[in-house]
Amino acid sequence: MDLEFHQLDLRYRDLRVFDPASQSRLLLSLSQSGQRVPVLVVEGGGGRFVLIDGYRRVSALRKLCRDTVSAMVLSLPEPEALLFAYRLERCGRRSALEEGWLLKELASVHGMGREALSRALLRSTSWISRRLGLVEVLPESVQHAVRAGCVPAHAAMKSLLPLARANKGACEQLVQNLGGERISVRGMEILYGAWRRGDTTVRDRIVSLPLLYLASCEEIRRPDPPVPASLAEALRRDVAAIGAICRRVRGRLLRREEHADVARPSELARTWAEAQGAFADLCAVMEERLAGC
């Protein structure tokens, strides 16, 4: 069925990460081919429907100024619908942090215990605990930056999670001082590695000015520009090149009869006359400059 956007309840929007690159590809696909896969919803009462899966498609369709979205209504309670949508996805599609958000929603809002989640997802209780632990350790402000696409989920897992365990305040300040600028996984690794190795002063500078620190690291890694040769050295190299060209031409002329693709004699004679004139002019200047040496 087709639903208008005002009929959608977007209560589970924060369970997914905004990925600008993926969103751009989806936007292009929808503009060219239209919506081919319906979003998943459940009835919410009062003519409204709770969106379970398809938040990126809804966002893209809105940007394209479409009036409706194609939807499939699931005859399931909300928690079962969330689990159903999770099972439909390809393996590894969600990040560990997104899985943690889903589990937290199912546990805190819908009252599912860890044993029930373990059975529903066919995962061990230790896996459930580890995923829930992620969202418990990472500060909410950092999780917000991940949702907004400013910090890649992999960077949060690899760098910000151990930073938060070591110093939660520093983790929050570092992300806050990024100022909403998107940072790469490699950039976050550099910041965390330097923070871990640094003393108190260095750590304070990294947390206070993370972008400036990354810029300085990039400047240090940039190779020094080549030193320009002096005029005398440039002239010496050019003269050496002339000698090398003369030797190469002599060798090719001596082997001329072995090659059928050598230029015709008339063309070669004209080019040689031009070269002789240029070389004579050069000889006159060289003899004048080198006189008495």
Protein backbone atom coordinates (compact mmCIF):
# COMPACT_ATOMS: atom_id res chain seq x y z
CA MET A 1 0.00 0.00 0.00
CA ASP A 2 1.01 3.64 -0.47
CA LEU A 3 1.31 5.84 2.60
CA GLU A 4 1.69 9.57 2.93
CA PHE A 5 4.62 10.77 5.00
CA HIS A 6 2.44 12.33 7.71
CA GLN A 7 1.04 8.86 8.42
CA LEU A 8 4.45 7.52 9.46
CA ASP A 9 5.61 7.30 13.06
CA LEU A 10 9.44 7.53 13.02
CA ARG A 11 10.06 6.45 16.60
CA TYR A 12 12.90 4.06 15.65
CA ARG A 13 14.88 6.54 13.60
CA ASP A 14 17.75 6.65 16.12
CA LEU A 15 18.46 2.93 15.73
CA ARG A 16 20.38 3.51 12.49
CA VAL A 17 23.48 5.46 11.45
CA PHE A 18 23.32 8.16 8.80
CA ASP A 19 25.79 7.31 6.04
CA PRO A 20 26.17 10.21 3.53
CA ALA A 21 27.75 8.03 0.82
CA SER A 22 25.11 5.32 1.08
CA GLN A 23 22.34 7.92 1.18
CA SER A 24 23.66 9.58 -1.99
CA ARG A 25 23.70 6.26 -3.85
CA LEU A 26 20.17 5.49 -2.69
CA LEU A 27 18.98 8.95 -3.74
CA LEU A 28 20.40 8.44 -7.22
CA SER A 29 18.85 4.97 -7.51
CA LEU A 30 15.40 6.19 -6.46
CA SER A 31 15.55 9.14 -8.83
CA GLN A 32 16.40 6.88 -11.76
CA SER A 33 14.41 3.73 -11.04
CA GLY A 34 11.88 4.69 -8.42
CA GLN A 35 11.12 2.76 -5.24
CA ARG A 36 11.39 -0.98 -5.88
CA VAL A 37 11.47 -2.30 -2.29
CA PRO A 38 8.65 -1.33 0.10
CA VAL A 39 9.37 -0.11 3.60
CA LEU A 40 8.13 -2.19 6.53
CA VAL A 41 5.53 -0.78 8.91
CA VAL A 42 3.12 -1.95 11.61
CA GLU A 43 -0.21 -0.42 12.47
CA GLY A 44 0.06 2.25 15.13
CA GLY A 45 -3.59 3.20 15.52
CA GLY A 46 -5.47 6.30 14.45
CA GLY A 47 -4.55 5.80 10.81
CA ARG A 48 -0.84 6.00 11.55
CA PHE A 49 1.85 3.39 10.97
CA VAL A 50 5.11 2.82 12.85
CA LEU A 51 8.06 2.64 10.47
CA ILE A 52 10.12 -0.46 11.24
CA ASP A 53 12.56 -0.57 8.33
CA GLY A 54 13.23 1.87 5.47
CA TYR A 55 14.24 5.12 7.15
CA ARG A 56 16.85 5.88 4.50
CA ARG A 57 14.34 5.31 1.72
CA VAL A 58 11.79 7.60 3.38
CA SER A 59 14.41 10.34 3.80
CA ALA A 60 15.51 10.04 0.17
CA LEU A 61 11.92 10.07 -1.15
CA ARG A 62 11.22 13.22 0.83
CA LYS A 63 14.25 14.90 -0.72
CA LEU A 64 12.92 13.92 -4.13
CA CYS A 65 9.61 15.63 -3.21
CA ARG A 66 7.58 12.44 -3.61
CA ASP A 67 4.12 12.39 -2.07
CA THR A 68 3.91 8.79 -0.90
CA VAL A 69 6.02 5.79 0.01
CA SER A 70 5.26 2.18 -0.85
CA ALA A 71 4.91 0.14 2.35
CA MET A 72 4.27 -3.40 3.49
CA VAL A 73 2.21 -3.73 6.65
CA LEU A 74 3.41 -6.46 9.00
CA SER A 75 0.82 -8.22 11.15
CA LEU A 76 3.25 -8.43 14.07
CA PRO A 77 3.80 -6.68 17.40
CA GLU A 78 6.49 -4.00 17.27
CA PRO A 79 9.29 -6.00 18.96
CA GLU A 80 8.71 -9.01 16.72
CA ALA A 81 8.59 -6.72 13.68
CA LEU A 82 11.95 -5.18 14.67
CA LEU A 83 13.46 -8.66 14.99
CA PHE A 84 11.92 -9.72 11.68
CA ALA A 85 13.47 -6.73 9.89
CA TYR A 86 16.84 -7.49 11.48
CA ARG A 87 16.73 -11.09 10.28
CA LEU A 88 15.87 -9.98 6.74
CA GLU A 89 19.01 -7.92 6.42
CA ARG A 90 22.18 -9.28 4.92
CA CYS A 91 24.78 -10.56 7.38
CA GLY A 92 27.00 -7.76 8.63
CA ARG A 93 24.85 -4.95 7.29
CA ARG A 94 24.43 -3.29 10.69
CA SER A 95 27.35 -2.11 12.75
CA ALA A 96 27.90 -3.46 16.25
CA LEU A 97 26.73 -0.14 17.66
CA GLU A 98 23.47 -0.30 15.69
CA GLU A 99 22.92 -3.82 16.99
CA GLY A 100 23.46 -2.47 20.49
CA TRP A 101 20.85 0.24 19.93
CA LEU A 102 18.35 -2.36 18.72
CA LEU A 103 18.98 -4.60 21.71
CA LYS A 104 18.68 -1.69 24.13
CA GLU A 105 15.35 -0.71 22.56
CA LEU A 106 14.03 -4.26 22.81
CA ALA A 107 15.24 -4.62 26.38
CA SER A 108 14.39 -1.24 27.91
CA VAL A 109 11.26 -0.31 25.97
CA HIS A 110 9.72 -3.66 25.12
CA GLY A 111 10.88 -5.54 28.21
CA MET A 112 12.74 -8.38 26.53
CA GLY A 113 15.30 -10.07 28.78
CA ARG A 114 18.72 -11.20 27.65
CA GLU A 115 17.65 -14.84 27.51
CA ALA A 116 14.71 -13.95 25.28
CA LEU A 117 16.94 -11.84 23.03
CA SER A 118 19.46 -14.66 22.84
CA ARG A 119 16.77 -17.10 21.68
CA ALA A 120 15.21 -14.64 19.23
CA LEU A 121 18.52 -13.72 17.56
CA LEU A 122 20.18 -17.13 17.91
CA ARG A 123 23.08 -15.44 19.71
CA SER A 124 24.80 -16.23 22.98
CA THR A 125 23.96 -14.23 26.07
CA SER A 126 27.57 -13.05 26.20
CA TRP A 127 27.15 -11.58 22.69
CA ILE A 128 24.00 -9.81 23.85
CA SER A 129 25.86 -8.47 26.89
CA ARG A 130 28.79 -7.20 24.82
CA ARG A 131 26.51 -5.35 22.40
CA LEU A 132 24.54 -3.78 25.23
CA GLY A 133 27.82 -2.87 26.90
CA LEU A 134 28.80 -0.75 23.91
CA VAL A 135 25.88 1.63 24.29
CA GLU A 136 26.34 1.72 28.05
CA VAL A 137 30.02 2.76 27.83
CA LEU A 138 29.89 5.26 24.96
CA PRO A 139 28.57 8.68 26.07
CA GLU A 140 25.24 9.67 24.57
CA SER A 141 26.79 12.72 22.86
CA VAL A 142 29.25 10.44 21.08
CA GLN A 143 26.45 8.10 20.01
CA HIS A 144 24.59 11.13 18.63
CA ALA A 145 27.65 12.06 16.54
CA VAL A 146 27.74 8.51 15.18
CA ARG A 147 24.03 8.61 14.29
CA ALA A 148 24.54 11.94 12.51
CA GLY A 149 27.34 10.49 10.40
CA CYS A 150 30.07 12.74 11.82
CA VAL A 151 31.95 9.80 13.34
CA PRO A 152 32.04 6.44 11.51
CA ALA A 153 30.64 3.58 13.58
CA HIS A 154 33.87 1.63 13.06
CA ALA A 155 35.89 4.57 14.40
CA ALA A 156 33.68 4.72 17.47
CA MET A 157 34.20 1.01 18.09
CA LYS A 158 37.94 0.98 17.45
CA SER A 159 39.04 4.26 19.02
CA LEU A 160 36.33 6.05 20.98
CA LEU A 161 35.17 3.02 22.94
CA PRO A 162 38.59 2.38 24.57
CA LEU A 163 38.99 6.14 25.06
CA ALA A 164 35.64 6.31 26.85
CA ARG A 165 36.65 3.41 29.08
CA ALA A 166 39.89 5.20 29.98
CA ASN A 167 38.49 8.74 30.23
CA LYS A 168 34.83 9.35 29.47
CA GLY A 169 35.15 13.13 29.78
CA ALA A 170 38.01 13.30 27.28
CA CYS A 171 36.00 11.19 24.85
CA GLU A 172 33.04 13.57 25.03
CA GLN A 173 35.20 16.68 24.70
CA LEU A 174 37.14 15.33 21.73
CA VAL A 175 33.97 14.59 19.75
CA GLN A 176 32.44 17.92 20.78
CA ASN A 177 35.53 19.83 19.60
CA LEU A 178 35.28 18.23 16.17
CA GLY A 179 32.53 20.77 15.65
CA GLY A 180 30.39 18.47 13.54
CA GLU A 181 33.18 17.90 11.00
CA ARG A 182 33.18 14.38 9.60
CA ILE A 183 36.33 12.47 10.51
CA SER A 184 37.72 9.32 8.94
CA VAL A 185 38.45 6.05 10.71
CA ARG A 186 42.16 6.65 10.13
CA GLY A 187 41.95 10.16 11.54
CA MET A 188 40.30 8.91 14.72
CA GLU A 189 42.97 6.21 15.04
CA ILE A 190 45.67 8.89 14.87
CA LEU A 191 43.97 10.98 17.56
CA TYR A 192 43.44 8.07 19.93
CA GLY A 193 46.95 6.68 19.39
CA ALA A 194 48.51 10.06 20.12
CA TRP A 195 46.29 10.57 23.17
CA ARG A 196 47.23 7.16 24.54
CA ARG A 197 50.98 7.83 24.12
CA GLY A 198 50.97 11.46 25.23
CA ASP A 199 51.40 13.06 28.60
CA THR A 200 48.81 15.28 30.25
CA THR A 201 49.74 18.36 28.22
CA VAL A 202 49.65 16.53 24.89
CA ARG A 203 46.34 14.88 25.75
CA ASP A 204 44.75 18.22 26.61
CA ARG A 205 45.88 19.70 23.29
CA ILE A 206 44.55 16.74 21.29
CA VAL A 207 41.18 16.86 23.03
CA SER A 208 40.93 20.66 22.73
CA LEU A 209 42.07 20.99 19.09
CA PRO A 210 41.69 17.60 17.36
CA LEU A 211 41.36 18.99 13.83
CA LEU A 212 44.43 21.21 14.25
CA TYR A 213 46.40 18.22 15.51
CA LEU A 214 45.38 16.15 12.46
CA ALA A 215 46.33 19.02 10.15
CA SER A 216 49.77 19.27 11.77
CA CYS A 217 50.28 15.50 11.39
CA GLU A 218 49.39 15.76 7.71
CA GLU A 219 51.85 18.61 7.25
CA ILE A 220 54.64 16.60 8.90
CA ARG A 221 53.99 13.59 6.64
CA ARG A 222 54.00 15.72 3.50
CA PRO A 223 57.32 15.33 1.62
CA ASP A 224 59.54 18.38 1.29
CA PRO A 225 59.32 20.07 -2.12
CA PRO A 226 62.27 19.34 -4.41
CA VAL A 227 65.10 21.85 -4.16
CA PRO A 228 65.32 23.73 -7.49
CA ALA A 229 68.62 23.32 -9.30
CA SER A 230 70.80 26.40 -9.67
CA LEU A 231 71.15 27.99 -13.11
CA ALA A 232 74.68 26.60 -13.50
CA GLU A 233 73.51 23.07 -12.63
CA ALA A 234 70.52 23.36 -14.98
CA LEU A 235 72.84 24.40 -17.85
CA ARG A 236 75.20 21.52 -17.12
CA ARG A 237 72.34 19.03 -17.23
CA ASP A 238 71.08 20.44 -20.55
CA VAL A 239 74.55 20.20 -22.13
CA ALA A 240 74.85 16.62 -20.88
CA ALA A 241 71.45 15.89 -22.45
CA ILE A 242 72.67 17.28 -25.79
CA GLY A 243 75.66 14.94 -25.70
CA ALA A 244 73.41 11.98 -24.90
CA ILE A 245 71.06 12.84 -27.77
CA CYS A 246 74.01 13.12 -30.19
CA ARG A 247 75.26 9.68 -29.21
CA ARG A 248 71.80 8.20 -29.53
CA VAL A 249 71.25 9.71 -33.00
CA ARG A 250 74.67 8.50 -34.19
CA GLY A 251 73.89 4.96 -33.04
CA ARG A 252 70.52 4.94 -34.82
CA LEU A 253 72.02 6.25 -38.05
CA LEU A 254 74.63 3.51 -38.05
CA ARG A 255 71.85 0.95 -37.67
CA ARG A 256 69.56 2.64 -40.19
CA GLU A 257 69.65 -0.16 -42.73
CA GLU A 258 68.27 -2.54 -40.08
CA HIS A 259 65.05 -0.57 -39.59
CA ALA A 260 62.40 0.00 -42.23
CA ASP A 261 60.59 2.75 -40.29
CA VAL A 262 63.42 5.33 -40.40
CA ALA A 263 62.25 8.68 -41.85
CA ARG A 264 62.67 9.30 -45.58
CA PRO A 265 66.04 10.89 -46.55
CA SER A 266 64.43 14.20 -47.63
CA GLU A 267 62.60 14.63 -44.32
CA LEU A 268 65.66 13.65 -42.31
CA ALA A 269 67.87 16.06 -44.31
CA ARG A 270 65.51 18.99 -43.64
CA THR A 271 65.33 18.25 -39.93
CA TRP A 272 69.10 17.87 -39.77
CA ALA A 273 69.61 21.27 -41.43
CA GLU A 274 67.36 22.88 -38.81
CA ALA A 275 69.23 21.13 -36.00
CA GLN A 276 72.60 22.22 -37.46
CA GLY A 277 71.48 25.85 -37.47
CA ALA A 278 70.31 25.68 -33.86
CA PHE A 279 73.49 23.90 -32.83
CA ALA A 280 75.67 26.49 -34.64
CA ASP A 281 73.94 29.30 -32.75
CA LEU A 282 74.51 27.45 -29.49
CA CYS A 283 78.19 26.83 -30.34
CA ALA A 284 78.75 30.54 -30.99
CA VAL A 285 77.27 31.50 -27.59
CA MET A 286 79.17 28.73 -25.78
CA GLU A 287 82.52 29.70 -27.33
CA GLU A 288 81.93 33.32 -26.33
CA ARG A 289 81.01 32.49 -22.76
CA LEU A 290 83.73 29.87 -22.26
CA ALA A 291 86.57 31.88 -23.86
CA GLY A 292 89.60 31.95 -21.60
CA CYS A 293 88.39 29.18 -19.31
